[in-house]
Structure formats: structure tokens, C-alpha cells
Amino acid sequence: MSSSDPRSCRRAAFRQGVARGLFALALGLSTASLSACGFQPLYGGKGVGSDAADRLMDVDVASIPDREGQKLRNLLIDNFYPSERPNNPRYRLDVALSASEQKLALQKDATAVRAQLLVNAPYRLTDTQTGKVVFQSSSRSMISYNTLEQHYAAIVTMQNAYDRALEDISNDITTRVAMYLGRGS
């Protein structure tokens, strides 16, 4: 029998159909098992966190000192408020920011060719009506980058690492605060 034999072509087509059917069955079962395990979307139309985006509008992001703090605050404002800032916020988010740098890969002459930036941001969510801290946590980001000999390139590389860390932290804080507020606090 050759590969152009009609029976072998039908068998191959049958096997492909069975494989597709099994794949569809597995996909359907995995979707059903996800809904049964309590998974609920954070920003979707159904579930516990369905109004999380609206509740983020009730949070005032307090000022954060220094240039990097201003950048983080602007990222958080962009995440929390899609259109305008709240007039009378129910919560206030206070964030502190600290960073440290560690040299990693050292050459024989003790110069570093790789470094790691660790940015830590403890934060707390305060109810403005009662003055009570209702949620507090900490977010951190570790970013590795190359250290360069040229002064300007080294500054740009370090600033890029800082910006990436701040983006990570702002996304993490936004997600955690939205999850807390979505629980119906």
C-alpha cells in the first residue's frame, strides 16, 4: 500500500478527527472545572470582583516623595482612574518607596558587569471615614540589568530598570487593592 491509498487517507483523516474531538472535550472539561473551583474574574461582569474597577475610583492615591515616588503615583492614578479623579474618596492609599542596588557579576578587576535593583513599596489603605487602616501589604520588584562603562548609557540603563520595577509594583498594588475592595469590604 502506498501513501496515496484511499484507505490510509481515510484512516489519517479519522485519526485527526478523533484528536480534534479529544482536544475539544479536554478544553470543555478544563473550562467546567475552572468554574467549579471557585475561579471568578476580577474585572468581569459576573463574580465577586465585578465592580472592582468602580471601587478603585473610591481610592485617593496620596503623594509619594521623590521623583520615583511621583512616577509610581502617576502609574497608580492611571490604573485606578480611567476617566477622572474621585471628588469624595472613601479610601486613601499611602505608599512608601525604598530601593537598593546590589552588584552581581564581578570581573577580575572588581568592576561589576551586572547589577540588581530591589524596589520595595509597603502600602496601606485607610478608610477616610473612620481613619482605620483596612488593608496593608507590601509589594516589591527585583530587576536585573547590565552595568555599562559609558556614563550616559549607565544612567539610562539604571533608569530603565527603575521604571520597569515601578510598573511591576503599580500593577501589583492595583491588583491587590482591587481584590480587597472586590470582596465587598
N, C-alpha and C. Protein backbone atom coordinates (compact mmCIF):
# COMPACT_ATOMS: atom_id res chain seq x y z
N MET A 1 0.83 -1.17 0.00
CA MET A 1 0.00 0.00 0.00
C MET A 1 0.88 1.24 0.00
N SER A 2 0.51 2.20 -0.79
CA SER A 2 1.26 3.45 -0.84
C SER A 2 0.54 4.50 -0.02
N SER A 3 1.21 5.62 0.13
CA SER A 3 0.61 6.69 0.95
C SER A 3 -0.56 7.34 0.23
N SER A 4 -0.72 7.09 -1.07
CA SER A 4 -1.84 7.67 -1.79
C SER A 4 -3.05 6.73 -1.79
N ASP A 5 -2.96 5.63 -1.06
CA ASP A 5 -4.05 4.68 -0.95
C ASP A 5 -5.24 5.36 -0.25
N PRO A 6 -6.45 5.28 -0.79
CA PRO A 6 -7.61 5.96 -0.20
C PRO A 6 -7.90 5.52 1.23
N ARG A 7 -7.64 4.22 1.53
CA ARG A 7 -7.91 3.74 2.89
C ARG A 7 -6.98 4.40 3.91
N SER A 8 -5.72 4.58 3.56
CA SER A 8 -4.79 5.20 4.50
C SER A 8 -5.11 6.68 4.69
N CYS A 9 -5.60 7.33 3.64
CA CYS A 9 -6.01 8.74 3.76
C CYS A 9 -7.22 8.85 4.68
N ARG A 10 -8.18 7.91 4.55
CA ARG A 10 -9.36 7.95 5.42
C ARG A 10 -8.98 7.68 6.86
N ARG A 11 -8.03 6.76 7.07
CA ARG A 11 -7.59 6.48 8.44
C ARG A 11 -6.93 7.71 9.06
N ALA A 12 -6.09 8.39 8.29
CA ALA A 12 -5.42 9.59 8.78
C ALA A 12 -6.44 10.67 9.11
N ALA A 13 -7.43 10.84 8.24
CA ALA A 13 -8.47 11.84 8.48
C ALA A 13 -9.29 11.47 9.72
N PHE A 14 -9.55 10.18 9.89
CA PHE A 14 -10.29 9.72 11.07
C PHE A 14 -9.49 10.01 12.34
N ARG A 15 -8.19 9.74 12.32
CA ARG A 15 -7.33 9.99 13.49
C ARG A 15 -7.29 11.48 13.82
N GLN A 16 -7.22 12.32 12.80
CA GLN A 16 -7.22 13.76 13.04
C GLN A 16 -8.55 14.21 13.65
N GLY A 17 -9.64 13.64 13.16
CA GLY A 17 -10.96 13.99 13.70
C GLY A 17 -11.09 13.56 15.15
N VAL A 18 -10.57 12.37 15.48
CA VAL A 18 -10.61 11.89 16.85
C VAL A 18 -9.75 12.78 17.74
N ALA A 19 -8.57 13.16 17.25
CA ALA A 19 -7.68 14.02 18.03
C ALA A 19 -8.32 15.38 18.29
N ARG A 20 -8.98 15.93 17.28
CA ARG A 20 -9.66 17.22 17.46
C ARG A 20 -10.80 17.09 18.45
N GLY A 21 -11.53 15.99 18.36
CA GLY A 21 -12.64 15.76 19.29
C GLY A 21 -12.16 15.63 20.72
N LEU A 22 -11.05 14.91 20.92
CA LEU A 22 -10.49 14.76 22.26
C LEU A 22 -9.99 16.10 22.79
N PHE A 23 -9.39 16.89 21.92
CA PHE A 23 -8.92 18.22 22.33
C PHE A 23 -10.10 19.10 22.76
N ALA A 24 -11.17 19.07 21.98
CA ALA A 24 -12.36 19.87 22.32
C ALA A 24 -12.96 19.40 23.64
N LEU A 25 -12.98 18.09 23.86
CA LEU A 25 -13.50 17.54 25.11
C LEU A 25 -12.64 17.98 26.29
N ALA A 26 -11.33 17.91 26.13
CA ALA A 26 -10.43 18.33 27.21
C ALA A 26 -10.58 19.82 27.50
N LEU A 27 -10.73 20.63 26.46
CA LEU A 27 -10.92 22.06 26.65
C LEU A 27 -12.23 22.33 27.38
N GLY A 28 -13.28 21.64 27.01
CA GLY A 28 -14.57 21.82 27.68
C GLY A 28 -14.52 21.40 29.15
N LEU A 29 -13.86 20.27 29.42
CA LEU A 29 -13.74 19.81 30.80
C LEU A 29 -12.90 20.76 31.64
N SER A 30 -11.83 21.32 31.07
CA SER A 30 -11.00 22.24 31.84
C SER A 30 -11.75 23.53 32.13
N THR A 31 -12.56 23.99 31.20
CA THR A 31 -13.38 25.18 31.44
C THR A 31 -14.40 24.93 32.53
N ALA A 32 -15.03 23.77 32.49
CA ALA A 32 -16.02 23.43 33.51
C ALA A 32 -15.36 23.28 34.88
N SER A 33 -14.17 22.71 34.91
CA SER A 33 -13.51 22.53 36.20
C SER A 33 -13.05 23.86 36.77
N LEU A 34 -12.69 24.84 35.91
CA LEU A 34 -12.31 26.16 36.40
C LEU A 34 -13.50 26.85 37.07
N SER A 35 -14.67 26.73 36.49
CA SER A 35 -15.83 27.38 37.10
C SER A 35 -16.24 26.68 38.38
N ALA A 36 -15.97 25.41 38.48
CA ALA A 36 -16.35 24.65 39.68
C ALA A 36 -15.39 24.89 40.84
N CYS A 37 -14.17 25.36 40.55
CA CYS A 37 -13.18 25.52 41.63
C CYS A 37 -13.30 26.87 42.32
N GLY A 38 -14.23 27.71 41.91
CA GLY A 38 -14.40 28.99 42.56
C GLY A 38 -13.70 30.13 41.85
N PHE A 39 -13.11 29.87 40.70
CA PHE A 39 -12.45 30.93 39.92
C PHE A 39 -13.49 31.94 39.48
N GLN A 40 -13.21 33.22 39.74
CA GLN A 40 -14.10 34.28 39.30
C GLN A 40 -13.25 35.41 38.75
N PRO A 41 -13.66 36.01 37.65
CA PRO A 41 -12.85 37.08 37.07
C PRO A 41 -12.87 38.32 37.96
N LEU A 42 -11.76 39.05 37.98
CA LEU A 42 -11.67 40.23 38.82
C LEU A 42 -12.44 41.40 38.22
N TYR A 43 -12.31 41.60 36.91
CA TYR A 43 -12.93 42.76 36.28
C TYR A 43 -14.12 42.40 35.42
N GLY A 44 -14.55 41.16 35.40
CA GLY A 44 -15.64 40.73 34.52
C GLY A 44 -17.00 41.20 34.99
N GLY A 45 -18.02 40.82 34.22
CA GLY A 45 -19.38 41.24 34.53
C GLY A 45 -20.02 40.41 35.62
N LYS A 46 -19.45 39.28 35.95
CA LYS A 46 -20.02 38.40 36.98
C LYS A 46 -18.96 38.15 38.04
N GLY A 47 -19.38 37.74 39.20
CA GLY A 47 -18.43 37.32 40.22
C GLY A 47 -18.24 38.36 41.31
N VAL A 48 -17.37 37.99 42.23
CA VAL A 48 -17.12 38.81 43.41
C VAL A 48 -16.52 40.15 43.03
N GLY A 49 -15.59 40.17 42.09
CA GLY A 49 -14.89 41.39 41.77
C GLY A 49 -15.46 42.16 40.61
N SER A 50 -16.73 41.97 40.32
CA SER A 50 -17.30 42.60 39.12
C SER A 50 -17.28 44.12 39.19
N ASP A 51 -17.37 44.70 40.37
CA ASP A 51 -17.34 46.15 40.48
C ASP A 51 -16.02 46.65 41.05
N ALA A 52 -14.96 45.87 40.92
CA ALA A 52 -13.66 46.27 41.46
C ALA A 52 -13.14 47.54 40.80
N ALA A 53 -13.34 47.67 39.50
CA ALA A 53 -12.87 48.88 38.80
C ALA A 53 -13.60 50.11 39.31
N ASP A 54 -14.90 49.98 39.59
CA ASP A 54 -15.66 51.11 40.13
C ASP A 54 -15.20 51.45 41.54
N ARG A 55 -14.88 50.44 42.32
CA ARG A 55 -14.44 50.68 43.69
C ARG A 55 -13.06 51.31 43.75
N LEU A 56 -12.23 51.05 42.74
CA LEU A 56 -10.92 51.70 42.70
C LEU A 56 -11.08 53.21 42.55
N MET A 57 -12.20 53.63 41.98
CA MET A 57 -12.46 55.07 41.85
C MET A 57 -12.71 55.73 43.20
N ASP A 58 -12.95 54.93 44.25
CA ASP A 58 -13.16 55.46 45.60
C ASP A 58 -11.87 55.61 46.39
N VAL A 59 -10.73 55.42 45.74
CA VAL A 59 -9.43 55.46 46.42
C VAL A 59 -8.65 56.69 45.98
N ASP A 60 -8.20 57.47 46.95
CA ASP A 60 -7.33 58.61 46.68
C ASP A 60 -5.88 58.15 46.86
N VAL A 61 -5.06 58.34 45.85
CA VAL A 61 -3.65 57.95 45.93
C VAL A 61 -2.88 59.14 46.49
N ALA A 62 -2.34 58.99 47.70
CA ALA A 62 -1.61 60.07 48.35
C ALA A 62 -0.27 60.31 47.66
N SER A 63 0.28 61.49 47.87
CA SER A 63 1.59 61.83 47.29
C SER A 63 2.68 60.92 47.85
N ILE A 64 3.65 60.61 47.00
CA ILE A 64 4.78 59.77 47.39
C ILE A 64 6.03 60.61 47.14
N PRO A 65 6.91 60.75 48.14
CA PRO A 65 8.08 61.62 47.98
C PRO A 65 9.06 61.14 46.89
N ASP A 66 9.86 62.08 46.41
CA ASP A 66 10.93 61.87 45.43
C ASP A 66 10.40 61.65 44.02
N ARG A 67 11.30 61.69 43.07
CA ARG A 67 10.94 61.57 41.65
C ARG A 67 10.34 60.20 41.35
N GLU A 68 10.95 59.14 41.85
CA GLU A 68 10.43 57.80 41.59
C GLU A 68 9.06 57.62 42.24
N GLY A 69 8.86 58.24 43.40
CA GLY A 69 7.55 58.20 44.04
C GLY A 69 6.49 58.88 43.20
N GLN A 70 6.86 60.00 42.57
CA GLN A 70 5.92 60.68 41.68
C GLN A 70 5.57 59.80 40.49
N LYS A 71 6.56 59.11 39.96
CA LYS A 71 6.30 58.21 38.83
C LYS A 71 5.36 57.08 39.24
N LEU A 72 5.60 56.49 40.41
CA LEU A 72 4.74 55.42 40.90
C LEU A 72 3.32 55.94 41.13
N ARG A 73 3.19 57.10 41.71
CA ARG A 73 1.86 57.67 41.94
C ARG A 73 1.13 57.90 40.61
N ASN A 74 1.82 58.40 39.62
CA ASN A 74 1.19 58.61 38.31
C ASN A 74 0.74 57.30 37.68
N LEU A 75 1.55 56.25 37.83
CA LEU A 75 1.15 54.93 37.31
C LEU A 75 -0.09 54.42 38.04
N LEU A 76 -0.12 54.60 39.36
CA LEU A 76 -1.28 54.16 40.14
C LEU A 76 -2.53 54.96 39.76
N ILE A 77 -2.38 56.26 39.57
CA ILE A 77 -3.52 57.10 39.16
C ILE A 77 -4.05 56.63 37.81
N ASP A 78 -3.15 56.32 36.88
CA ASP A 78 -3.58 55.82 35.57
C ASP A 78 -4.33 54.50 35.71
N ASN A 79 -3.90 53.64 36.63
CA ASN A 79 -4.56 52.34 36.83
C ASN A 79 -5.90 52.48 37.55
N PHE A 80 -5.98 53.38 38.53
CA PHE A 80 -7.16 53.49 39.37
C PHE A 80 -8.29 54.28 38.72
N TYR A 81 -7.94 55.34 37.98
CA TYR A 81 -8.96 56.25 37.46
C TYR A 81 -8.94 56.26 35.94
N PRO A 82 -9.86 55.57 35.31
CA PRO A 82 -9.89 55.57 33.84
C PRO A 82 -10.31 56.90 33.24
N SER A 83 -11.09 57.69 33.98
CA SER A 83 -11.57 58.95 33.40
C SER A 83 -11.20 60.15 34.26
N GLU A 84 -11.67 60.20 35.47
CA GLU A 84 -11.43 61.36 36.33
C GLU A 84 -11.17 60.92 37.76
N ARG A 85 -10.59 61.81 38.54
CA ARG A 85 -10.30 61.51 39.93
C ARG A 85 -11.56 61.64 40.79
N PRO A 86 -11.57 60.93 41.93
CA PRO A 86 -12.77 60.97 42.77
C PRO A 86 -12.91 62.33 43.48
N ASN A 87 -14.17 62.76 43.66
CA ASN A 87 -14.44 64.02 44.38
C ASN A 87 -14.38 63.81 45.88
N ASN A 88 -15.00 62.75 46.36
CA ASN A 88 -15.06 62.48 47.78
C ASN A 88 -14.67 61.01 48.01
N PRO A 89 -13.35 60.71 48.01
CA PRO A 89 -12.93 59.30 48.10
C PRO A 89 -13.22 58.69 49.46
N ARG A 90 -13.55 57.42 49.42
CA ARG A 90 -13.83 56.68 50.66
C ARG A 90 -12.54 56.18 51.30
N TYR A 91 -11.49 55.92 50.48
CA TYR A 91 -10.23 55.37 50.97
C TYR A 91 -9.06 56.25 50.55
N ARG A 92 -7.96 56.12 51.28
CA ARG A 92 -6.72 56.77 50.91
C ARG A 92 -5.62 55.71 50.87
N LEU A 93 -4.85 55.71 49.81
CA LEU A 93 -3.75 54.77 49.64
C LEU A 93 -2.44 55.51 49.91
N ASP A 94 -1.71 55.07 50.94
CA ASP A 94 -0.40 55.64 51.27
C ASP A 94 0.66 54.61 50.91
N VAL A 95 1.65 55.06 50.15
CA VAL A 95 2.72 54.18 49.69
C VAL A 95 4.06 54.79 50.06
N ALA A 96 4.96 53.98 50.57
CA ALA A 96 6.35 54.38 50.80
C ALA A 96 7.20 53.64 49.78
N LEU A 97 8.35 54.18 49.47
CA LEU A 97 9.17 53.59 48.42
C LEU A 97 10.62 53.59 48.86
N SER A 98 11.28 52.45 48.73
CA SER A 98 12.72 52.37 49.01
C SER A 98 13.36 51.46 47.98
N ALA A 99 14.63 51.71 47.72
CA ALA A 99 15.35 50.93 46.71
C ALA A 99 16.77 50.66 47.18
N SER A 100 17.28 49.52 46.74
CA SER A 100 18.68 49.19 46.99
C SER A 100 19.24 48.50 45.75
N GLU A 101 20.54 48.65 45.57
CA GLU A 101 21.21 48.08 44.41
C GLU A 101 22.29 47.12 44.89
N GLN A 102 22.39 46.02 44.19
CA GLN A 102 23.39 45.02 44.54
C GLN A 102 24.16 44.67 43.27
N LYS A 103 25.48 44.70 43.37
CA LYS A 103 26.33 44.32 42.24
C LYS A 103 26.39 42.79 42.19
N LEU A 104 26.24 42.25 40.99
CA LEU A 104 26.19 40.78 40.87
C LEU A 104 27.46 40.21 40.25
N ALA A 105 27.58 40.31 38.95
CA ALA A 105 28.71 39.69 38.24
C ALA A 105 29.91 40.62 38.28
N LEU A 106 30.98 40.18 38.95
CA LEU A 106 32.19 40.98 39.08
C LEU A 106 33.28 40.44 38.17
N GLN A 107 34.03 41.37 37.58
CA GLN A 107 35.18 40.98 36.77
C GLN A 107 36.40 40.85 37.66
N LYS A 108 37.53 40.44 37.08
CA LYS A 108 38.76 40.27 37.86
C LYS A 108 39.23 41.57 38.50
N ASP A 109 38.95 42.69 37.85
CA ASP A 109 39.37 43.98 38.42
C ASP A 109 38.32 44.56 39.38
N ALA A 110 37.35 43.76 39.80
CA ALA A 110 36.31 44.09 40.79
C ALA A 110 35.27 45.08 40.26
N THR A 111 35.18 45.26 38.95
CA THR A 111 34.10 46.08 38.39
C THR A 111 32.91 45.18 38.09
N ALA A 112 31.75 45.70 38.33
CA ALA A 112 30.53 44.93 38.12
C ALA A 112 30.07 45.06 36.67
N VAL A 113 29.59 43.97 36.11
CA VAL A 113 29.03 43.99 34.76
C VAL A 113 27.52 43.73 34.81
N ARG A 114 27.02 43.35 35.97
CA ARG A 114 25.60 43.08 36.14
C ARG A 114 25.20 43.56 37.53
N ALA A 115 24.01 44.11 37.64
CA ALA A 115 23.51 44.58 38.93
C ALA A 115 22.05 44.22 39.06
N GLN A 116 21.58 44.31 40.29
CA GLN A 116 20.18 44.00 40.58
C GLN A 116 19.60 45.14 41.42
N LEU A 117 18.45 45.61 41.00
CA LEU A 117 17.76 46.67 41.71
C LEU A 117 16.57 46.06 42.45
N LEU A 118 16.52 46.30 43.75
CA LEU A 118 15.39 45.82 44.56
C LEU A 118 14.61 47.04 45.03
N VAL A 119 13.35 47.13 44.58
CA VAL A 119 12.48 48.23 44.97
C VAL A 119 11.37 47.66 45.85
N ASN A 120 11.21 48.23 47.02
CA ASN A 120 10.21 47.77 47.98
C ASN A 120 9.20 48.90 48.22
N ALA A 121 7.92 48.55 48.22
CA ALA A 121 6.87 49.55 48.41
C ALA A 121 5.82 49.05 49.38
N PRO A 122 6.00 49.31 50.69
CA PRO A 122 4.92 49.00 51.63
C PRO A 122 3.80 50.02 51.44
N TYR A 123 2.56 49.55 51.57
CA TYR A 123 1.42 50.46 51.38
C TYR A 123 0.30 50.08 52.32
N ARG A 124 -0.59 51.04 52.53
CA ARG A 124 -1.76 50.79 53.37
C ARG A 124 -2.96 51.55 52.83
N LEU A 125 -4.10 50.94 52.97
CA LEU A 125 -5.36 51.52 52.53
C LEU A 125 -6.13 51.92 53.79
N THR A 126 -6.45 53.20 53.88
CA THR A 126 -7.10 53.73 55.06
C THR A 126 -8.51 54.19 54.71
N ASP A 127 -9.46 53.82 55.56
CA ASP A 127 -10.84 54.30 55.40
C ASP A 127 -10.86 55.75 55.87
N THR A 128 -11.23 56.67 54.99
CA THR A 128 -11.21 58.09 55.34
C THR A 128 -12.32 58.48 56.31
N GLN A 129 -13.37 57.68 56.39
CA GLN A 129 -14.47 58.00 57.31
C GLN A 129 -14.12 57.65 58.74
N THR A 130 -13.43 56.52 58.94
CA THR A 130 -13.11 56.08 60.30
C THR A 130 -11.65 56.31 60.66
N GLY A 131 -10.79 56.49 59.69
CA GLY A 131 -9.36 56.65 59.96
C GLY A 131 -8.65 55.34 60.21
N LYS A 132 -9.36 54.22 60.06
CA LYS A 132 -8.79 52.89 60.29
C LYS A 132 -8.06 52.38 59.06
N VAL A 133 -6.94 51.70 59.29
CA VAL A 133 -6.25 51.02 58.20
C VAL A 133 -7.01 49.72 57.94
N VAL A 134 -7.57 49.58 56.74
CA VAL A 134 -8.39 48.42 56.43
C VAL A 134 -7.60 47.35 55.67
N PHE A 135 -6.51 47.73 55.05
CA PHE A 135 -5.71 46.77 54.30
C PHE A 135 -4.29 47.31 54.21
N GLN A 136 -3.32 46.44 54.45
CA GLN A 136 -1.93 46.85 54.26
C GLN A 136 -1.12 45.66 53.78
N SER A 137 -0.14 45.96 52.98
CA SER A 137 0.71 44.93 52.41
C SER A 137 1.99 45.59 51.91
N SER A 138 2.75 44.83 51.19
CA SER A 138 3.99 45.34 50.63
C SER A 138 4.18 44.70 49.26
N SER A 139 4.69 45.48 48.35
CA SER A 139 4.98 44.99 47.02
C SER A 139 6.45 45.23 46.73
N ARG A 140 7.07 44.32 46.02
CA ARG A 140 8.48 44.51 45.70
C ARG A 140 8.77 43.98 44.31
N SER A 141 9.81 44.52 43.75
CA SER A 141 10.23 44.10 42.42
C SER A 141 11.74 44.03 42.38
N MET A 142 12.25 42.97 41.78
CA MET A 142 13.68 42.79 41.59
C MET A 142 13.98 42.81 40.10
N ILE A 143 14.79 43.74 39.67
CA ILE A 143 15.11 43.90 38.26
C ILE A 143 16.63 43.82 38.09
N SER A 144 17.07 42.94 37.21
CA SER A 144 18.49 42.84 36.90
C SER A 144 18.79 43.63 35.63
N TYR A 145 19.98 44.19 35.57
CA TYR A 145 20.37 44.96 34.40
C TYR A 145 21.89 44.95 34.26
N ASN A 146 22.35 45.27 33.08
CA ASN A 146 23.78 45.34 32.80
C ASN A 146 24.31 46.70 33.22
N THR A 147 25.50 46.70 33.81
CA THR A 147 26.16 47.98 34.11
C THR A 147 27.11 48.27 32.95
N LEU A 148 27.08 49.49 32.50
CA LEU A 148 27.85 49.87 31.32
C LEU A 148 28.93 50.87 31.69
N GLU A 149 29.97 50.93 30.86
CA GLU A 149 31.09 51.83 31.13
C GLU A 149 30.78 53.27 30.79
N GLN A 150 30.03 53.49 29.71
CA GLN A 150 29.69 54.85 29.31
C GLN A 150 28.73 55.44 30.34
N HIS A 151 29.02 56.66 30.78
CA HIS A 151 28.25 57.28 31.86
C HIS A 151 26.77 57.46 31.50
N TYR A 152 26.49 58.03 30.35
CA TYR A 152 25.10 58.27 29.96
C TYR A 152 24.35 56.95 29.79
N ALA A 153 24.97 55.98 29.15
CA ALA A 153 24.32 54.68 28.96
C ALA A 153 24.05 54.00 30.30
N ALA A 154 24.95 54.14 31.25
CA ALA A 154 24.75 53.55 32.57
C ALA A 154 23.55 54.19 33.28
N ILE A 155 23.41 55.52 33.14
CA ILE A 155 22.29 56.22 33.77
C ILE A 155 20.97 55.79 33.13
N VAL A 156 20.95 55.71 31.80
CA VAL A 156 19.72 55.31 31.10
C VAL A 156 19.33 53.88 31.46
N THR A 157 20.29 52.99 31.55
CA THR A 157 20.02 51.59 31.91
C THR A 157 19.46 51.49 33.32
N MET A 158 20.04 52.23 34.24
CA MET A 158 19.57 52.22 35.63
C MET A 158 18.15 52.79 35.70
N GLN A 159 17.89 53.88 34.98
CA GLN A 159 16.56 54.49 34.98
C GLN A 159 15.52 53.56 34.37
N ASN A 160 15.91 52.85 33.32
CA ASN A 160 15.01 51.88 32.71
C ASN A 160 14.66 50.76 33.68
N ALA A 161 15.64 50.30 34.44
CA ALA A 161 15.39 49.26 35.44
C ALA A 161 14.42 49.78 36.50
N TYR A 162 14.61 51.02 36.93
CA TYR A 162 13.71 51.62 37.91
C TYR A 162 12.29 51.72 37.36
N ASP A 163 12.16 52.17 36.13
CA ASP A 163 10.84 52.30 35.51
C ASP A 163 10.13 50.95 35.40
N ARG A 164 10.87 49.91 35.03
CA ARG A 164 10.26 48.57 34.95
C ARG A 164 9.81 48.10 36.32
N ALA A 165 10.61 48.37 37.35
CA ALA A 165 10.25 47.97 38.72
C ALA A 165 8.99 48.71 39.18
N LEU A 166 8.92 50.01 38.88
CA LEU A 166 7.75 50.79 39.28
C LEU A 166 6.49 50.32 38.56
N GLU A 167 6.63 49.93 37.31
CA GLU A 167 5.48 49.39 36.55
C GLU A 167 4.99 48.09 37.19
N ASP A 168 5.92 47.21 37.55
CA ASP A 168 5.55 45.95 38.22
C ASP A 168 4.82 46.24 39.54
N ILE A 169 5.37 47.14 40.32
CA ILE A 169 4.79 47.45 41.63
C ILE A 169 3.41 48.07 41.48
N SER A 170 3.26 48.99 40.53
CA SER A 170 1.94 49.63 40.36
C SER A 170 0.88 48.61 39.94
N ASN A 171 1.25 47.68 39.08
CA ASN A 171 0.29 46.64 38.67
C ASN A 171 -0.06 45.73 39.84
N ASP A 172 0.94 45.39 40.66
CA ASP A 172 0.70 44.53 41.81
C ASP A 172 -0.19 45.21 42.83
N ILE A 173 0.09 46.46 43.14
CA ILE A 173 -0.73 47.20 44.11
C ILE A 173 -2.16 47.34 43.59
N THR A 174 -2.30 47.67 42.32
CA THR A 174 -3.64 47.82 41.74
C THR A 174 -4.43 46.52 41.86
N THR A 175 -3.80 45.41 41.53
CA THR A 175 -4.48 44.12 41.59
C THR A 175 -4.88 43.76 43.02
N ARG A 176 -3.96 43.95 43.95
CA ARG A 176 -4.26 43.58 45.34
C ARG A 176 -5.35 44.45 45.96
N VAL A 177 -5.28 45.75 45.70
CA VAL A 177 -6.30 46.65 46.24
C VAL A 177 -7.66 46.34 45.59
N ALA A 178 -7.66 46.08 44.30
CA ALA A 178 -8.91 45.74 43.62
C ALA A 178 -9.48 44.43 44.18
N MET A 179 -8.64 43.46 44.45
CA MET A 179 -9.11 42.20 45.03
C MET A 179 -9.70 42.44 46.41
N TYR A 180 -9.04 43.27 47.21
CA TYR A 180 -9.57 43.55 48.55
C TYR A 180 -10.91 44.27 48.46
N LEU A 181 -10.98 45.29 47.64
CA LEU A 181 -12.23 46.06 47.51
C LEU A 181 -13.33 45.23 46.85
N GLY A 182 -12.94 44.32 45.97
CA GLY A 182 -13.92 43.47 45.29
C GLY A 182 -14.57 42.44 46.19
N ARG A 183 -13.96 42.18 47.34
CA ARG A 183 -14.54 41.22 48.28
C ARG A 183 -15.78 41.76 48.97
N GLY A 184 -16.03 43.03 48.79
CA GLY A 184 -17.21 43.63 49.45
C GLY A 184 -16.89 44.08 50.84
N SER A 185 -15.72 44.70 50.99
CA SER A 185 -15.27 45.15 52.31
C SER A 185 -16.20 46.15 52.95
